[in-house]
Amino acid sequence: MPRMKLKKSAIIRDLTDAREAAAYLNTVLEDGDKDLFLLALKDIALAHSGVTALAKKTKLSRPSLYRMLSGNGNPELSSLEKLLAAFGLRISIHSIEAKKRAS
């Protein structure tokens, strides 16, 4: 197996842990790239048995999940909340000033 695939599968496996998934998403969010964030959500979905299982758990349709998790998806807040809840996560807002002081 190529080295890159091996690394990617190890990363995906780690994303079943909510703390690891949260750290992964927060790191991606720091870059401010929405498309990359959606692809990171897709990685976490793969770690959680894929889109079909996720559709059952979130009560969202498979086609809408596939659209949402594509690089150019545009999920509604309620759909994003359902998806994150399925991963054991939730949205949290933090002050930019607090981040600047910590740096």
C-alpha atoms as a PDB file:
ATOM      1  CA  MET A   1       0.000   0.000   0.000  1.00  0.00           C
ATOM      2  CA  PRO A   2       1.414   3.442  -0.884  1.00  0.00           C
ATOM      3  CA  ARG A   3       2.648   5.467   2.064  1.00  0.00           C
ATOM      4  CA  MET A   4       0.158   8.321   1.500  1.00  0.00           C
ATOM      5  CA  LYS A   5      -2.827   5.931   1.595  1.00  0.00           C
ATOM      6  CA  LEU A   6      -1.495   4.368   4.768  1.00  0.00           C
ATOM      7  CA  LYS A   7      -1.198   7.782   6.449  1.00  0.00           C
ATOM      8  CA  LYS A   8      -4.673   8.842   5.297  1.00  0.00           C
ATOM      9  CA  SER A   9      -6.287   5.635   6.605  1.00  0.00           C
ATOM     10  CA  ALA A  10      -4.554   6.075   9.982  1.00  0.00           C
ATOM     11  CA  ILE A  11      -5.821   9.657  10.174  1.00  0.00           C
ATOM     12  CA  ILE A  12      -9.353   8.566   9.237  1.00  0.00           C
ATOM     13  CA  ARG A  13      -9.285   5.848  11.917  1.00  0.00           C
ATOM     14  CA  ASP A  14      -8.269   8.418  14.563  1.00  0.00           C
ATOM     15  CA  LEU A  15     -11.205  10.643  13.635  1.00  0.00           C
ATOM     16  CA  THR A  16     -13.680   8.319  15.326  1.00  0.00           C
ATOM     17  CA  ASP A  17     -12.528   9.917  18.586  1.00  0.00           C
ATOM     18  CA  ALA A  18     -14.527  13.129  19.153  1.00  0.00           C
ATOM     19  CA  ARG A  19     -11.508  14.973  20.610  1.00  0.00           C
ATOM     20  CA  GLU A  20      -9.372  14.093  17.596  1.00  0.00           C
ATOM     21  CA  ALA A  21     -12.169  15.091  15.223  1.00  0.00           C
ATOM     22  CA  ALA A  22     -12.638  18.416  17.033  1.00  0.00           C
ATOM     23  CA  ALA A  23      -8.912  19.173  16.877  1.00  0.00           C
ATOM     24  CA  TYR A  24      -8.855  18.280  13.180  1.00  0.00           C
ATOM     25  CA  LEU A  25     -11.810  20.561  12.380  1.00  0.00           C
ATOM     26  CA  ASN A  26     -10.436  23.425  14.485  1.00  0.00           C
ATOM     27  CA  THR A  27      -7.085  23.201  12.693  1.00  0.00           C
ATOM     28  CA  VAL A  28      -8.824  23.317   9.323  1.00  0.00           C
ATOM     29  CA  LEU A  29     -11.024  26.230  10.444  1.00  0.00           C
ATOM     30  CA  GLU A  30      -7.975  28.286  11.393  1.00  0.00           C
ATOM     31  CA  ASP A  31      -7.070  28.409   7.704  1.00  0.00           C
ATOM     32  CA  GLY A  32     -10.500  29.876   6.891  1.00  0.00           C
ATOM     33  CA  ASP A  33     -11.038  27.621   3.860  1.00  0.00           C
ATOM     34  CA  LYS A  34     -14.723  26.587   3.798  1.00  0.00           C
ATOM     35  CA  ASP A  35     -14.170  23.976   1.096  1.00  0.00           C
ATOM     36  CA  LEU A  36     -11.387  22.350   3.095  1.00  0.00           C
ATOM     37  CA  PHE A  37     -13.627  22.334   6.180  1.00  0.00           C
ATOM     38  CA  LEU A  38     -16.317  20.435   4.269  1.00  0.00           C
ATOM     39  CA  LEU A  39     -13.761  17.919   3.030  1.00  0.00           C
ATOM     40  CA  ALA A  40     -12.544  17.485   6.622  1.00  0.00           C
ATOM     41  CA  LEU A  41     -16.147  16.737   7.622  1.00  0.00           C
ATOM     42  CA  LYS A  42     -16.196  14.135   4.851  1.00  0.00           C
ATOM     43  CA  ASP A  43     -13.069  12.516   6.338  1.00  0.00           C
ATOM     44  CA  ILE A  44     -14.825  12.300   9.693  1.00  0.00           C
ATOM     45  CA  ALA A  45     -17.929  10.856   8.017  1.00  0.00           C
ATOM     46  CA  LEU A  46     -15.774   8.137   6.458  1.00  0.00           C
ATOM     47  CA  ALA A  47     -14.361   7.357   9.888  1.00  0.00           C
ATOM     48  CA  HIS A  48     -17.914   6.972  11.188  1.00  0.00           C
ATOM     49  CA  SER A  49     -18.941   4.175   8.796  1.00  0.00           C
ATOM     50  CA  GLY A  50     -19.674   6.386   5.808  1.00  0.00           C
ATOM     51  CA  VAL A  51     -22.513   8.432   4.435  1.00  0.00           C
ATOM     52  CA  THR A  52     -25.216   5.738   4.432  1.00  0.00           C
ATOM     53  CA  ALA A  53     -24.878   5.096   8.177  1.00  0.00           C
ATOM     54  CA  LEU A  54     -24.628   8.827   8.781  1.00  0.00           C
ATOM     55  CA  ALA A  55     -27.824   9.470   6.809  1.00  0.00           C
ATOM     56  CA  LYS A  56     -29.713   7.086   9.092  1.00  0.00           C
ATOM     57  CA  LYS A  57     -28.217   8.605  12.222  1.00  0.00           C
ATOM     58  CA  THR A  58     -28.823  12.247  11.224  1.00  0.00           C
ATOM     59  CA  LYS A  59     -32.160  11.737   9.414  1.00  0.00           C
ATOM     60  CA  LEU A  60     -30.651  13.613   6.441  1.00  0.00           C
ATOM     61  CA  SER A  61     -30.865  12.135   2.951  1.00  0.00           C
ATOM     62  CA  ARG A  62     -27.782  10.550   1.403  1.00  0.00           C
ATOM     63  CA  PRO A  63     -27.854  12.878  -1.623  1.00  0.00           C
ATOM     64  CA  SER A  64     -27.992  15.967   0.593  1.00  0.00           C
ATOM     65  CA  LEU A  65     -25.128  14.623   2.725  1.00  0.00           C
ATOM     66  CA  TYR A  66     -23.036  13.957  -0.381  1.00  0.00           C
ATOM     67  CA  ARG A  67     -23.720  17.511  -1.606  1.00  0.00           C
ATOM     68  CA  MET A  68     -23.010  18.950   1.822  1.00  0.00           C
ATOM     69  CA  LEU A  69     -19.711  17.067   2.165  1.00  0.00           C
ATOM     70  CA  SER A  70     -18.451  17.932  -1.289  1.00  0.00           C
ATOM     71  CA  GLY A  71     -15.781  20.599  -1.572  1.00  0.00           C
ATOM     72  CA  ASN A  72     -18.374  23.105  -2.770  1.00  0.00           C
ATOM     73  CA  GLY A  73     -21.252  22.196  -0.467  1.00  0.00           C
ATOM     74  CA  ASN A  74     -23.199  24.851   1.397  1.00  0.00           C
ATOM     75  CA  PRO A  75     -24.906  23.194   4.383  1.00  0.00           C
ATOM     76  CA  GLU A  76     -27.637  24.854   6.372  1.00  0.00           C
ATOM     77  CA  LEU A  77     -26.785  25.442  10.011  1.00  0.00           C
ATOM     78  CA  SER A  78     -29.388  22.891  11.155  1.00  0.00           C
ATOM     79  CA  SER A  79     -27.867  20.215   8.887  1.00  0.00           C
ATOM     80  CA  LEU A  80     -24.364  21.024  10.103  1.00  0.00           C
ATOM     81  CA  GLU A  81     -25.547  20.759  13.712  1.00  0.00           C
ATOM     82  CA  LYS A  82     -27.087  17.324  13.043  1.00  0.00           C
ATOM     83  CA  LEU A  83     -23.921  16.142  11.349  1.00  0.00           C
ATOM     84  CA  LEU A  84     -21.666  17.377  14.136  1.00  0.00           C
ATOM     85  CA  ALA A  85     -23.959  15.846  16.778  1.00  0.00           C
ATOM     86  CA  ALA A  86     -23.598  12.470  15.029  1.00  0.00           C
ATOM     87  CA  PHE A  87     -19.834  12.841  15.537  1.00  0.00           C
ATOM     88  CA  GLY A  88     -20.255  13.795  19.204  1.00  0.00           C
ATOM     89  CA  LEU A  89     -19.445  17.447  18.446  1.00  0.00           C
ATOM     90  CA  ARG A  90     -21.186  20.819  18.556  1.00  0.00           C
ATOM     91  CA  ILE A  91     -20.537  24.318  17.286  1.00  0.00           C
ATOM     92  CA  SER A  92     -18.828  26.754  19.634  1.00  0.00           C
ATOM     93  CA  ILE A  93     -18.047  30.431  19.107  1.00  0.00           C
ATOM     94  CA  HIS A  94     -14.943  32.094  20.524  1.00  0.00           C
ATOM     95  CA  SER A  95     -13.791  35.689  20.624  1.00  0.00           C
ATOM     96  CA  ILE A  96     -11.089  36.686  18.151  1.00  0.00           C
ATOM     97  CA  GLU A  97      -9.603  38.905  20.864  1.00  0.00           C
ATOM     98  CA  ALA A  98      -9.207  35.939  23.219  1.00  0.00           C
ATOM     99  CA  LYS A  99      -7.278  34.119  20.513  1.00  0.00           C
ATOM    100  CA  LYS A 100      -5.021  37.133  19.928  1.00  0.00           C
ATOM    101  CA  ARG A 101      -4.227  37.399  23.667  1.00  0.00           C
ATOM    102  CA  ALA A 102      -3.333  33.702  23.814  1.00  0.00           C
ATOM    103  CA  SER A 103      -0.823  34.052  20.969  1.00  0.00           C
END
